[in-house]
Amino acid sequence: MRKTKKHKVYTIEQKNEIVRLYLERHLSSRQIMEFYEIGNKSKLDNWISQYRKYGTTVDNRGRGTKLELGNKGRPRKYVEDLNQLSKENLIERVKAYESIKKSLAYLLDKEQKRIIK
């Protein structure tokens, strides 16, 4: 037996109809919430704001909570397009990589000599 009550799922059409009933002043928010068994007022308020902004409610299931910010999670690594760099910047980048390579090679060689002793 289920311990918690399962959330009621509404289609976009049902949400739009509920919002229209509210906006056209046919029913109060309390009456709508009781009749359609909407758990809290914030859910209804979200539908109303979506309807006013987009002209319809939005189905957010399976997506991030903030549509403008995109999905949550770790941001993608920044990958620079080397074709967009100027010649001078590309030369500086290659010199920096070569310097890092030499430093790593030196440190690895030093570590290997220490291990051998």
PDB file of N, CA and C in Angstrom:
ATOM      1  N   MET A   1       0.830  -1.179   0.000  1.00  0.00           N
ATOM      2  CA  MET A   1       0.000   0.000   0.000  1.00  0.00           C
ATOM      3  C   MET A   1       0.881   1.251   0.000  1.00  0.00           C
ATOM      4  N   ARG A   2       0.509   2.215  -0.772  1.00  0.00           N
ATOM      5  CA  ARG A   2       1.271   3.451  -0.924  1.00  0.00           C
ATOM      6  C   ARG A   2       1.122   4.341   0.307  1.00  0.00           C
ATOM      7  N   LYS A   3       2.255   4.817   0.835  1.00  0.00           N
ATOM      8  CA  LYS A   3       2.224   5.669   2.021  1.00  0.00           C
ATOM      9  C   LYS A   3       1.881   7.117   1.691  1.00  0.00           C
ATOM     10  N   THR A   4       2.341   7.574   0.561  1.00  0.00           N
ATOM     11  CA  THR A   4       2.087   8.966   0.176  1.00  0.00           C
ATOM     12  C   THR A   4       1.080   9.028  -0.958  1.00  0.00           C
ATOM     13  N   LYS A   5       0.444  10.168  -1.082  1.00  0.00           N
ATOM     14  CA  LYS A   5      -0.542  10.362  -2.137  1.00  0.00           C
ATOM     15  C   LYS A   5       0.174  10.687  -3.446  1.00  0.00           C
ATOM     16  N   LYS A   6      -0.214  10.024  -4.511  1.00  0.00           N
ATOM     17  CA  LYS A   6       0.400  10.261  -5.808  1.00  0.00           C
ATOM     18  C   LYS A   6      -0.105  11.588  -6.378  1.00  0.00           C
ATOM     19  N   HIS A   7       0.799  12.347  -6.976  1.00  0.00           N
ATOM     20  CA  HIS A   7       0.432  13.638  -7.556  1.00  0.00           C
ATOM     21  C   HIS A   7      -0.461  13.445  -8.772  1.00  0.00           C
ATOM     22  N   LYS A   8      -1.447  14.302  -8.870  1.00  0.00           N
ATOM     23  CA  LYS A   8      -2.329  14.255 -10.031  1.00  0.00           C
ATOM     24  C   LYS A   8      -1.615  14.895 -11.217  1.00  0.00           C
ATOM     25  N   VAL A   9      -1.749  14.298 -12.380  1.00  0.00           N
ATOM     26  CA  VAL A   9      -1.096  14.796 -13.589  1.00  0.00           C
ATOM     27  C   VAL A   9      -2.146  15.466 -14.462  1.00  0.00           C
ATOM     28  N   TYR A  10      -1.819  16.677 -14.922  1.00  0.00           N
ATOM     29  CA  TYR A  10      -2.733  17.453 -15.756  1.00  0.00           C
ATOM     30  C   TYR A  10      -2.129  17.613 -17.143  1.00  0.00           C
ATOM     31  N   THR A  11      -2.954  17.486 -18.165  1.00  0.00           N
ATOM     32  CA  THR A  11      -2.481  17.737 -19.522  1.00  0.00           C
ATOM     33  C   THR A  11      -2.386  19.255 -19.730  1.00  0.00           C
ATOM     34  N   ILE A  12      -1.709  19.642 -20.785  1.00  0.00           N
ATOM     35  CA  ILE A  12      -1.580  21.064 -21.090  1.00  0.00           C
ATOM     36  C   ILE A  12      -2.954  21.662 -21.361  1.00  0.00           C
ATOM     37  N   GLU A  13      -3.821  20.907 -22.031  1.00  0.00           N
ATOM     38  CA  GLU A  13      -5.171  21.400 -22.312  1.00  0.00           C
ATOM     39  C   GLU A  13      -5.954  21.637 -21.019  1.00  0.00           C
ATOM     40  N   GLN A  14      -5.831  20.697 -20.070  1.00  0.00           N
ATOM     41  CA  GLN A  14      -6.510  20.864 -18.782  1.00  0.00           C
ATOM     42  C   GLN A  14      -5.982  22.091 -18.039  1.00  0.00           C
ATOM     43  N   LYS A  15      -4.675  22.258 -18.046  1.00  0.00           N
ATOM     44  CA  LYS A  15      -4.078  23.421 -17.382  1.00  0.00           C
ATOM     45  C   LYS A  15      -4.582  24.716 -18.009  1.00  0.00           C
ATOM     46  N   ASN A  16      -4.595  24.756 -19.342  1.00  0.00           N
ATOM     47  CA  ASN A  16      -5.060  25.966 -20.026  1.00  0.00           C
ATOM     48  C   ASN A  16      -6.511  26.273 -19.672  1.00  0.00           C
ATOM     49  N   GLU A  17      -7.347  25.245 -19.607  1.00  0.00           N
ATOM     50  CA  GLU A  17      -8.756  25.446 -19.267  1.00  0.00           C
ATOM     51  C   GLU A  17      -8.899  25.958 -17.827  1.00  0.00           C
ATOM     52  N   ILE A  18      -8.137  25.397 -16.927  1.00  0.00           N
ATOM     53  CA  ILE A  18      -8.173  25.838 -15.534  1.00  0.00           C
ATOM     54  C   ILE A  18      -7.762  27.301 -15.430  1.00  0.00           C
ATOM     55  N   VAL A  19      -6.694  27.678 -16.129  1.00  0.00           N
ATOM     56  CA  VAL A  19      -6.218  29.063 -16.091  1.00  0.00           C
ATOM     57  C   VAL A  19      -7.256  30.004 -16.700  1.00  0.00           C
ATOM     58  N   ARG A  20      -7.872  29.593 -17.799  1.00  0.00           N
ATOM     59  CA  ARG A  20      -8.914  30.436 -18.412  1.00  0.00           C
ATOM     60  C   ARG A  20     -10.091  30.655 -17.461  1.00  0.00           C
ATOM     61  N   LEU A  21     -10.486  29.618 -16.733  1.00  0.00           N
ATOM     62  CA  LEU A  21     -11.567  29.763 -15.753  1.00  0.00           C
ATOM     63  C   LEU A  21     -11.203  30.808 -14.692  1.00  0.00           C
ATOM     64  N   TYR A  22      -9.947  30.790 -14.296  1.00  0.00           N
ATOM     65  CA  TYR A  22      -9.495  31.761 -13.294  1.00  0.00           C
ATOM     66  C   TYR A  22      -9.426  33.176 -13.886  1.00  0.00           C
ATOM     67  N   LEU A  23      -8.806  33.310 -15.057  1.00  0.00           N
ATOM     68  CA  LEU A  23      -8.592  34.640 -15.641  1.00  0.00           C
ATOM     69  C   LEU A  23      -9.902  35.307 -16.067  1.00  0.00           C
ATOM     70  N   GLU A  24     -10.869  34.514 -16.490  1.00  0.00           N
ATOM     71  CA  GLU A  24     -12.148  35.082 -16.907  1.00  0.00           C
ATOM     72  C   GLU A  24     -13.098  35.266 -15.727  1.00  0.00           C
ATOM     73  N   ARG A  25     -12.567  35.064 -14.516  1.00  0.00           N
ATOM     74  CA  ARG A  25     -13.298  35.313 -13.267  1.00  0.00           C
ATOM     75  C   ARG A  25     -14.526  34.425 -13.081  1.00  0.00           C
ATOM     76  N   HIS A  26     -14.504  33.242 -13.672  1.00  0.00           N
ATOM     77  CA  HIS A  26     -15.613  32.311 -13.474  1.00  0.00           C
ATOM     78  C   HIS A  26     -15.520  31.639 -12.105  1.00  0.00           C
ATOM     79  N   LEU A  27     -14.268  31.360 -11.672  1.00  0.00           N
ATOM     80  CA  LEU A  27     -14.047  30.711 -10.381  1.00  0.00           C
ATOM     81  C   LEU A  27     -12.887  31.387  -9.665  1.00  0.00           C
ATOM     82  N   SER A  28     -12.916  31.377  -8.346  1.00  0.00           N
ATOM     83  CA  SER A  28     -11.799  31.910  -7.571  1.00  0.00           C
ATOM     84  C   SER A  28     -10.690  30.860  -7.522  1.00  0.00           C
ATOM     85  N   SER A  29      -9.512  31.278  -7.098  1.00  0.00           N
ATOM     86  CA  SER A  29      -8.397  30.339  -7.027  1.00  0.00           C
ATOM     87  C   SER A  29      -8.699  29.232  -6.017  1.00  0.00           C
ATOM     88  N   ARG A  30      -9.347  29.555  -4.909  1.00  0.00           N
ATOM     89  CA  ARG A  30      -9.690  28.549  -3.906  1.00  0.00           C
ATOM     90  C   ARG A  30     -10.675  27.520  -4.484  1.00  0.00           C
ATOM     91  N   GLN A  31     -11.689  27.996  -5.201  1.00  0.00           N
ATOM     92  CA  GLN A  31     -12.665  27.086  -5.804  1.00  0.00           C
ATOM     93  C   GLN A  31     -12.002  26.171  -6.832  1.00  0.00           C
ATOM     94  N   ILE A  32     -11.119  26.742  -7.630  1.00  0.00           N
ATOM     95  CA  ILE A  32     -10.409  25.957  -8.648  1.00  0.00           C
ATOM     96  C   ILE A  32      -9.544  24.891  -7.984  1.00  0.00           C
ATOM     97  N   MET A  33      -8.807  25.292  -6.950  1.00  0.00           N
ATOM     98  CA  MET A  33      -7.919  24.347  -6.273  1.00  0.00           C
ATOM     99  C   MET A  33      -8.708  23.192  -5.648  1.00  0.00           C
ATOM    100  N   GLU A  34      -9.851  23.487  -5.059  1.00  0.00           N
ATOM    101  CA  GLU A  34     -10.666  22.437  -4.446  1.00  0.00           C
ATOM    102  C   GLU A  34     -11.301  21.532  -5.507  1.00  0.00           C
ATOM    103  N   PHE A  35     -11.858  22.143  -6.551  1.00  0.00           N
ATOM    104  CA  PHE A  35     -12.559  21.368  -7.569  1.00  0.00           C
ATOM    105  C   PHE A  35     -11.608  20.465  -8.361  1.00  0.00           C
ATOM    106  N   TYR A  36     -10.454  20.997  -8.756  1.00  0.00           N
ATOM    107  CA  TYR A  36      -9.508  20.241  -9.575  1.00  0.00           C
ATOM    108  C   TYR A  36      -8.440  19.530  -8.757  1.00  0.00           C
ATOM    109  N   GLU A  37      -8.551  19.591  -7.416  1.00  0.00           N
ATOM    110  CA  GLU A  37      -7.615  18.926  -6.500  1.00  0.00           C
ATOM    111  C   GLU A  37      -6.165  19.322  -6.767  1.00  0.00           C
ATOM    112  N   ILE A  38      -5.944  20.623  -6.856  1.00  0.00           N
ATOM    113  CA  ILE A  38      -4.590  21.156  -7.029  1.00  0.00           C
ATOM    114  C   ILE A  38      -4.007  21.330  -5.634  1.00  0.00           C
ATOM    115  N   GLY A  39      -2.846  20.752  -5.405  1.00  0.00           N
ATOM    116  CA  GLY A  39      -2.269  20.681  -4.074  1.00  0.00           C
ATOM    117  C   GLY A  39      -1.942  22.016  -3.433  1.00  0.00           C
ATOM    118  N   ASN A  40      -1.328  22.921  -4.159  1.00  0.00           N
ATOM    119  CA  ASN A  40      -0.966  24.207  -3.555  1.00  0.00           C
ATOM    120  C   ASN A  40      -1.140  25.341  -4.561  1.00  0.00           C
ATOM    121  N   LYS A  41      -1.211  26.550  -4.023  1.00  0.00           N
ATOM    122  CA  LYS A  41      -1.487  27.722  -4.852  1.00  0.00           C
ATOM    123  C   LYS A  41      -0.321  28.056  -5.774  1.00  0.00           C
ATOM    124  N   SER A  42       0.886  27.725  -5.365  1.00  0.00           N
ATOM    125  CA  SER A  42       2.045  28.058  -6.201  1.00  0.00           C
ATOM    126  C   SER A  42       1.990  27.334  -7.549  1.00  0.00           C
ATOM    127  N   LYS A  43       1.444  26.119  -7.562  1.00  0.00           N
ATOM    128  CA  LYS A  43       1.305  25.387  -8.827  1.00  0.00           C
ATOM    129  C   LYS A  43       0.370  26.152  -9.770  1.00  0.00           C
ATOM    130  N   LEU A  44      -0.765  26.589  -9.233  1.00  0.00           N
ATOM    131  CA  LEU A  44      -1.713  27.364 -10.030  1.00  0.00           C
ATOM    132  C   LEU A  44      -1.099  28.695 -10.472  1.00  0.00           C
ATOM    133  N   ASP A  45      -0.372  29.343  -9.574  1.00  0.00           N
ATOM    134  CA  ASP A  45       0.283  30.615  -9.912  1.00  0.00           C
ATOM    135  C   ASP A  45       1.305  30.426 -11.035  1.00  0.00           C
ATOM    136  N   ASN A  46       2.026  29.311 -11.012  1.00  0.00           N
ATOM    137  CA  ASN A  46       2.998  29.033 -12.084  1.00  0.00           C
ATOM    138  C   ASN A  46       2.291  28.866 -13.423  1.00  0.00           C
ATOM    139  N   TRP A  47       1.183  28.154 -13.427  1.00  0.00           N
ATOM    140  CA  TRP A  47       0.424  27.963 -14.667  1.00  0.00           C
ATOM    141  C   TRP A  47      -0.075  29.308 -15.190  1.00  0.00           C
ATOM    142  N   ILE A  48      -0.557  30.151 -14.288  1.00  0.00           N
ATOM    143  CA  ILE A  48      -1.080  31.462 -14.696  1.00  0.00           C
ATOM    144  C   ILE A  48       0.029  32.321 -15.300  1.00  0.00           C
ATOM    145  N   SER A  49       1.195  32.340 -14.658  1.00  0.00           N
ATOM    146  CA  SER A  49       2.293  33.155 -15.190  1.00  0.00           C
ATOM    147  C   SER A  49       2.774  32.623 -16.539  1.00  0.00           C
ATOM    148  N   GLN A  50       2.817  31.294 -16.705  1.00  0.00           N
ATOM    149  CA  GLN A  50       3.192  30.713 -17.997  1.00  0.00           C
ATOM    150  C   GLN A  50       2.173  31.085 -19.067  1.00  0.00           C
ATOM    151  N   TYR A  51       0.907  31.023 -18.715  1.00  0.00           N
ATOM    152  CA  TYR A  51      -0.160  31.336 -19.667  1.00  0.00           C
ATOM    153  C   TYR A  51      -0.067  32.796 -20.102  1.00  0.00           C
ATOM    154  N   ARG A  52       0.207  33.668 -19.164  1.00  0.00           N
ATOM    155  CA  ARG A  52       0.330  35.094 -19.500  1.00  0.00           C
ATOM    156  C   ARG A  52       1.565  35.363 -20.341  1.00  0.00           C
ATOM    157  N   LYS A  53       2.642  34.643 -20.069  1.00  0.00           N
ATOM    158  CA  LYS A  53       3.900  34.883 -20.777  1.00  0.00           C
ATOM    159  C   LYS A  53       3.916  34.254 -22.172  1.00  0.00           C
ATOM    160  N   TYR A  54       3.445  33.003 -22.277  1.00  0.00           N
ATOM    161  CA  TYR A  54       3.562  32.257 -23.532  1.00  0.00           C
ATOM    162  C   TYR A  54       2.237  32.078 -24.273  1.00  0.00           C
ATOM    163  N   GLY A  55       1.121  32.368 -23.620  1.00  0.00           N
ATOM    164  CA  GLY A  55      -0.176  32.140 -24.233  1.00  0.00           C
ATOM    165  C   GLY A  55      -0.674  30.720 -24.027  1.00  0.00           C
ATOM    166  N   THR A  56       0.103  29.917 -23.340  1.00  0.00           N
ATOM    167  CA  THR A  56      -0.260  28.544 -22.999  1.00  0.00           C
ATOM    168  C   THR A  56       0.593  28.118 -21.817  1.00  0.00           C
ATOM    169  N   THR A  57       0.186  27.046 -21.157  1.00  0.00           N
ATOM    170  CA  THR A  57       1.031  26.513 -20.094  1.00  0.00           C
ATOM    171  C   THR A  57       2.128  25.669 -20.716  1.00  0.00           C
ATOM    172  N   VAL A  58       3.176  25.426 -19.973  1.00  0.00           N
ATOM    173  CA  VAL A  58       4.338  24.718 -20.490  1.00  0.00           C
ATOM    174  C   VAL A  58       4.502  23.424 -19.699  1.00  0.00           C
ATOM    175  N   ASP A  59       4.823  22.353 -20.383  1.00  0.00           N
ATOM    176  CA  ASP A  59       5.072  21.074 -19.721  1.00  0.00           C
ATOM    177  C   ASP A  59       6.553  21.003 -19.390  1.00  0.00           C
ATOM    178  N   ASN A  60       6.878  21.091 -18.098  1.00  0.00           N
ATOM    179  CA  ASN A  60       8.283  21.098 -17.666  1.00  0.00           C
ATOM    180  C   ASN A  60       8.799  19.727 -17.253  1.00  0.00           C
ATOM    181  N   ARG A  61       7.974  18.709 -17.335  1.00  0.00           N
ATOM    182  CA  ARG A  61       8.429  17.398 -16.883  1.00  0.00           C
ATOM    183  C   ARG A  61       9.590  16.917 -17.741  1.00  0.00           C
ATOM    184  N   GLY A  62      10.630  16.444 -17.059  1.00  0.00           N
ATOM    185  CA  GLY A  62      11.801  15.927 -17.754  1.00  0.00           C
ATOM    186  C   GLY A  62      12.786  17.001 -18.160  1.00  0.00           C
ATOM    187  N   ARG A  63      12.541  18.233 -17.737  1.00  0.00           N
ATOM    188  CA  ARG A  63      13.435  19.340 -18.079  1.00  0.00           C
ATOM    189  C   ARG A  63      13.901  20.016 -16.804  1.00  0.00           C
ATOM    190  N   GLY A  64      14.844  20.928 -16.950  1.00  0.00           N
ATOM    191  CA  GLY A  64      15.270  21.737 -15.820  1.00  0.00           C
ATOM    192  C   GLY A  64      14.143  22.640 -15.368  1.00  0.00           C
ATOM    193  N   THR A  65      14.254  23.142 -14.165  1.00  0.00           N
ATOM    194  CA  THR A  65      13.162  23.945 -13.635  1.00  0.00           C
ATOM    195  C   THR A  65      13.159  25.358 -14.200  1.00  0.00           C
ATOM    196  N   LYS A  66      14.290  25.854 -14.639  1.00  0.00           N
ATOM    197  CA  LYS A  66      14.349  27.213 -15.162  1.00  0.00           C
ATOM    198  C   LYS A  66      14.624  27.155 -16.658  1.00  0.00           C
ATOM    199  N   LEU A  67      13.605  27.456 -17.429  1.00  0.00           N
ATOM    200  CA  LEU A  67      13.717  27.329 -18.883  1.00  0.00           C
ATOM    201  C   LEU A  67      14.758  28.271 -19.463  1.00  0.00           C
ATOM    202  N   GLU A  68      14.852  29.489 -18.909  1.00  0.00           N
ATOM    203  CA  GLU A  68      15.778  30.469 -19.479  1.00  0.00           C
ATOM    204  C   GLU A  68      17.232  30.088 -19.232  1.00  0.00           C
ATOM    205  N   LEU A  69      17.504  29.384 -18.130  1.00  0.00           N
ATOM    206  CA  LEU A  69      18.879  29.046 -17.781  1.00  0.00           C
ATOM    207  C   LEU A  69      19.322  27.698 -18.330  1.00  0.00           C
ATOM    208  N   GLY A  70      18.431  26.972 -18.942  1.00  0.00           N
ATOM    209  CA  GLY A  70      18.791  25.667 -19.461  1.00  0.00           C
ATOM    210  C   GLY A  70      18.775  24.612 -18.377  1.00  0.00           C
ATOM    211  N   ASN A  71      19.230  23.423 -18.715  1.00  0.00           N
ATOM    212  CA  ASN A  71      19.205  22.326 -17.762  1.00  0.00           C
ATOM    213  C   ASN A  71      20.238  22.517 -16.677  1.00  0.00           C
ATOM    214  N   LYS A  72      19.934  21.932 -15.539  1.00  0.00           N
ATOM    215  CA  LYS A  72      20.895  21.976 -14.448  1.00  0.00           C
ATOM    216  C   LYS A  72      21.997  20.976 -14.725  1.00  0.00           C
ATOM    217  N   GLY A  73      23.049  21.045 -13.931  1.00  0.00           N
ATOM    218  CA  GLY A  73      24.122  20.075 -14.068  1.00  0.00           C
ATOM    219  C   GLY A  73      25.449  20.763 -14.294  1.00  0.00           C
ATOM    220  N   ARG A  74      26.435  19.977 -14.484  1.00  0.00           N
ATOM    221  CA  ARG A  74      27.779  20.493 -14.676  1.00  0.00           C
ATOM    222  C   ARG A  74      27.867  21.220 -16.011  1.00  0.00           C
ATOM    223  N   PRO A  75      28.431  22.426 -16.019  1.00  0.00           N
ATOM    224  CA  PRO A  75      28.551  23.139 -17.294  1.00  0.00           C
ATOM    225  C   PRO A  75      29.538  22.442 -18.221  1.00  0.00           C
ATOM    226  N   ARG A  76      29.309  22.597 -19.491  1.00  0.00           N
ATOM    227  CA  ARG A  76      30.204  21.989 -20.463  1.00  0.00           C
ATOM    228  C   ARG A  76      31.563  22.674 -20.428  1.00  0.00           C
ATOM    229  N   LYS A  77      32.588  21.894 -20.743  1.00  0.00           N
ATOM    230  CA  LYS A  77      33.933  22.468 -20.786  1.00  0.00           C
ATOM    231  C   LYS A  77      34.027  23.440 -21.948  1.00  0.00           C
ATOM    232  N   TYR A  78      34.730  24.531 -21.696  1.00  0.00           N
ATOM    233  CA  TYR A  78      34.906  25.553 -22.724  1.00  0.00           C
ATOM    234  C   TYR A  78      35.920  25.049 -23.729  1.00  0.00           C
ATOM    235  N   VAL A  79      35.506  24.941 -24.975  1.00  0.00           N
ATOM    236  CA  VAL A  79      36.395  24.506 -26.049  1.00  0.00           C
ATOM    237  C   VAL A  79      36.575  25.686 -26.997  1.00  0.00           C
ATOM    238  N   GLU A  80      37.826  26.114 -27.123  1.00  0.00           N
ATOM    239  CA  GLU A  80      38.106  27.272 -27.964  1.00  0.00           C
ATOM    240  C   GLU A  80      38.367  26.820 -29.401  1.00  0.00           C
ATOM    241  N   ASP A  81      37.809  27.529 -30.333  1.00  0.00           N
ATOM    242  CA  ASP A  81      38.013  27.219 -31.740  1.00  0.00           C
ATOM    243  C   ASP A  81      39.323  27.873 -32.189  1.00  0.00           C
ATOM    244  N   LEU A  82      40.308  27.055 -32.480  1.00  0.00           N
ATOM    245  CA  LEU A  82      41.623  27.584 -32.848  1.00  0.00           C
ATOM    246  C   LEU A  82      41.585  28.340 -34.170  1.00  0.00           C
ATOM    247  N   ASN A  83      40.615  28.046 -35.018  1.00  0.00           N
ATOM    248  CA  ASN A  83      40.499  28.768 -36.288  1.00  0.00           C
ATOM    249  C   ASN A  83      40.103  30.224 -36.074  1.00  0.00           C
ATOM    250  N   GLN A  84      39.502  30.540 -34.929  1.00  0.00           N
ATOM    251  CA  GLN A  84      39.064  31.904 -34.657  1.00  0.00           C
ATOM    252  C   GLN A  84      40.166  32.773 -34.048  1.00  0.00           C
ATOM    253  N   LEU A  85      41.273  32.154 -33.616  1.00  0.00           N
ATOM    254  CA  LEU A  85      42.358  32.918 -33.007  1.00  0.00           C
ATOM    255  C   LEU A  85      43.175  33.653 -34.070  1.00  0.00           C
ATOM    256  N   SER A  86      43.696  34.806 -33.680  1.00  0.00           N
ATOM    257  CA  SER A  86      44.590  35.516 -34.598  1.00  0.00           C
ATOM    258  C   SER A  86      45.930  34.771 -34.635  1.00  0.00           C
ATOM    259  N   LYS A  87      46.749  35.098 -35.612  1.00  0.00           N
ATOM    260  CA  LYS A  87      48.039  34.415 -35.771  1.00  0.00           C
ATOM    261  C   LYS A  87      48.916  34.613 -34.541  1.00  0.00           C
ATOM    262  N   GLU A  88      48.938  35.839 -34.005  1.00  0.00           N
ATOM    263  CA  GLU A  88      49.762  36.140 -32.832  1.00  0.00           C
ATOM    264  C   GLU A  88      49.285  35.352 -31.610  1.00  0.00           C
ATOM    265  N   ASN A  89      47.957  35.312 -31.403  1.00  0.00           N
ATOM    266  CA  ASN A  89      47.420  34.566 -30.262  1.00  0.00           C
ATOM    267  C   ASN A  89      47.695  33.070 -30.390  1.00  0.00           C
ATOM    268  N   LEU A  90      47.623  32.556 -31.608  1.00  0.00           N
ATOM    269  CA  LEU A  90      47.894  31.142 -31.838  1.00  0.00           C
ATOM    270  C   LEU A  90      49.359  30.825 -31.537  1.00  0.00           C
ATOM    271  N   ILE A  91      50.278  31.709 -31.945  1.00  0.00           N
ATOM    272  CA  ILE A  91      51.706  31.506 -31.660  1.00  0.00           C
ATOM    273  C   ILE A  91      51.955  31.530 -30.159  1.00  0.00           C
ATOM    274  N   GLU A  92      51.326  32.476 -29.441  1.00  0.00           N
ATOM    275  CA  GLU A  92      51.467  32.541 -27.984  1.00  0.00           C
ATOM    276  C   GLU A  92      50.945  31.270 -27.328  1.00  0.00           C
ATOM    277  N   ARG A  93      49.835  30.769 -27.826  1.00  0.00           N
ATOM    278  CA  ARG A  93      49.240  29.551 -27.265  1.00  0.00           C
ATOM    279  C   ARG A  93      50.171  28.370 -27.454  1.00  0.00           C
ATOM    280  N   VAL A  94      50.767  28.232 -28.649  1.00  0.00           N
ATOM    281  CA  VAL A  94      51.672  27.117 -28.923  1.00  0.00           C
ATOM    282  C   VAL A  94      52.915  27.217 -28.038  1.00  0.00           C
ATOM    283  N   LYS A  95      53.446  28.414 -27.851  1.00  0.00           N
ATOM    284  CA  LYS A  95      54.615  28.604 -26.984  1.00  0.00           C
ATOM    285  C   LYS A  95      54.291  28.217 -25.541  1.00  0.00           C
ATOM    286  N   ALA A  96      53.106  28.583 -25.085  1.00  0.00           N
ATOM    287  CA  ALA A  96      52.705  28.233 -23.720  1.00  0.00           C
ATOM    288  C   ALA A  96      52.604  26.713 -23.574  1.00  0.00           C
ATOM    289  N   TYR A  97      52.012  26.032 -24.557  1.00  0.00           N
ATOM    290  CA  TYR A  97      51.907  24.576 -24.505  1.00  0.00           C
ATOM    291  C   TYR A  97      53.291  23.923 -24.507  1.00  0.00           C
ATOM    292  N   GLU A  98      54.190  24.444 -25.326  1.00  0.00           N
ATOM    293  CA  GLU A  98      55.551  23.888 -25.381  1.00  0.00           C
ATOM    294  C   GLU A  98      56.267  24.080 -24.049  1.00  0.00           C
ATOM    295  N   SER A  99      56.076  25.209 -23.430  1.00  0.00           N
ATOM    296  CA  SER A  99      56.687  25.473 -22.125  1.00  0.00           C
ATOM    297  C   SER A  99      56.152  24.489 -21.077  1.00  0.00           C
ATOM    298  N   ILE A 100      54.863  24.255 -21.105  1.00  0.00           N
ATOM    299  CA  ILE A 100      54.256  23.300 -20.166  1.00  0.00           C
ATOM    300  C   ILE A 100      54.798  21.900 -20.413  1.00  0.00           C
ATOM    301  N   LYS A 101      54.920  21.514 -21.686  1.00  0.00           N
ATOM    302  CA  LYS A 101      55.460  20.196 -22.027  1.00  0.00           C
ATOM    303  C   LYS A 101      56.882  20.020 -21.504  1.00  0.00           C
ATOM    304  N   LYS A 102      57.729  21.053 -21.682  1.00  0.00           N
ATOM    305  CA  LYS A 102      59.111  20.983 -21.216  1.00  0.00           C
ATOM    306  C   LYS A 102      59.171  20.873 -19.700  1.00  0.00           C
ATOM    307  N   SER A 103      58.314  21.634 -19.016  1.00  0.00           N
ATOM    308  CA  SER A 103      58.286  21.590 -17.552  1.00  0.00           C
ATOM    309  C   SER A 103      57.870  20.213 -17.060  1.00  0.00           C
ATOM    310  N   LEU A 104      56.862  19.629 -17.679  1.00  0.00           N
ATOM    311  CA  LEU A 104      56.422  18.286 -17.286  1.00  0.00           C
ATOM    312  C   LEU A 104      57.505  17.247 -17.547  1.00  0.00           C
ATOM    313  N   ALA A 105      58.155  17.353 -18.691  1.00  0.00           N
ATOM    314  CA  ALA A 105      59.220  16.401 -19.020  1.00  0.00           C
ATOM    315  C   ALA A 105      60.350  16.506 -17.992  1.00  0.00           C
ATOM    316  N   TYR A 106      60.709  17.721 -17.599  1.00  0.00           N
ATOM    317  CA  TYR A 106      61.765  17.934 -16.611  1.00  0.00           C
ATOM    318  C   TYR A 106      61.365  17.321 -15.269  1.00  0.00           C
ATOM    319  N   LEU A 107      60.139  17.584 -14.836  1.00  0.00           N
ATOM    320  CA  LEU A 107      59.680  17.057 -13.548  1.00  0.00           C
ATOM    321  C   LEU A 107      59.599  15.533 -13.556  1.00  0.00           C
ATOM    322  N   LEU A 108      59.128  14.953 -14.659  1.00  0.00           N
ATOM    323  CA  LEU A 108      59.061  13.500 -14.757  1.00  0.00           C
ATOM    324  C   LEU A 108      60.449  12.875 -14.742  1.00  0.00           C
ATOM    325  N   ASP A 109      61.398  13.495 -15.455  1.00  0.00           N
ATOM    326  CA  ASP A 109      62.766  12.995 -15.490  1.00  0.00           C
ATOM    327  C   ASP A 109      63.382  13.069 -14.094  1.00  0.00           C
ATOM    328  N   LYS A 110      63.137  14.170 -13.408  1.00  0.00           N
ATOM    329  CA  LYS A 110      63.659  14.366 -12.053  1.00  0.00           C
ATOM    330  C   LYS A 110      63.075  13.316 -11.108  1.00  0.00           C
ATOM    331  N   GLU A 111      61.785  13.021 -11.226  1.00  0.00           N
ATOM    332  CA  GLU A 111      61.114  12.034 -10.385  1.00  0.00           C
ATOM    333  C   GLU A 111      61.658  10.633 -10.659  1.00  0.00           C
ATOM    334  N   GLN A 112      61.912  10.315 -11.946  1.00  0.00           N
ATOM    335  CA  GLN A 112      62.439   8.995 -12.294  1.00  0.00           C
ATOM    336  C   GLN A 112      63.846   8.812 -11.717  1.00  0.00           C
ATOM    337  N   LYS A 113      64.658   9.840 -11.774  1.00  0.00           N
ATOM    338  CA  LYS A 113      66.022   9.762 -11.225  1.00  0.00           C
ATOM    339  C   LYS A 113      65.956   9.563  -9.719  1.00  0.00           C
ATOM    340  N   ARG A 114      64.996  10.200  -9.040  1.00  0.00           N
ATOM    341  CA  ARG A 114      64.859  10.068  -7.593  1.00  0.00           C
ATOM    342  C   ARG A 114      64.459   8.646  -7.241  1.00  0.00           C
ATOM    343  N   ILE A 115      63.584   8.041  -8.048  1.00  0.00           N
ATOM    344  CA  ILE A 115      63.122   6.678  -7.785  1.00  0.00           C
ATOM    345  C   ILE A 115      64.250   5.668  -7.979  1.00  0.00           C
ATOM    346  N   ILE A 116      65.085   5.891  -8.973  1.00  0.00           N
ATOM    347  CA  ILE A 116      66.185   4.980  -9.292  1.00  0.00           C
ATOM    348  C   ILE A 116      67.214   4.962  -8.164  1.00  0.00           C
ATOM    349  N   LYS A 117      67.473   6.105  -7.526  1.00  0.00           N
ATOM    350  CA  LYS A 117      68.491   6.185  -6.461  1.00  0.00           C
ATOM    351  C   LYS A 117      68.091   5.397  -5.310  1.00  0.00           C
TER     352      LYS A 117
END
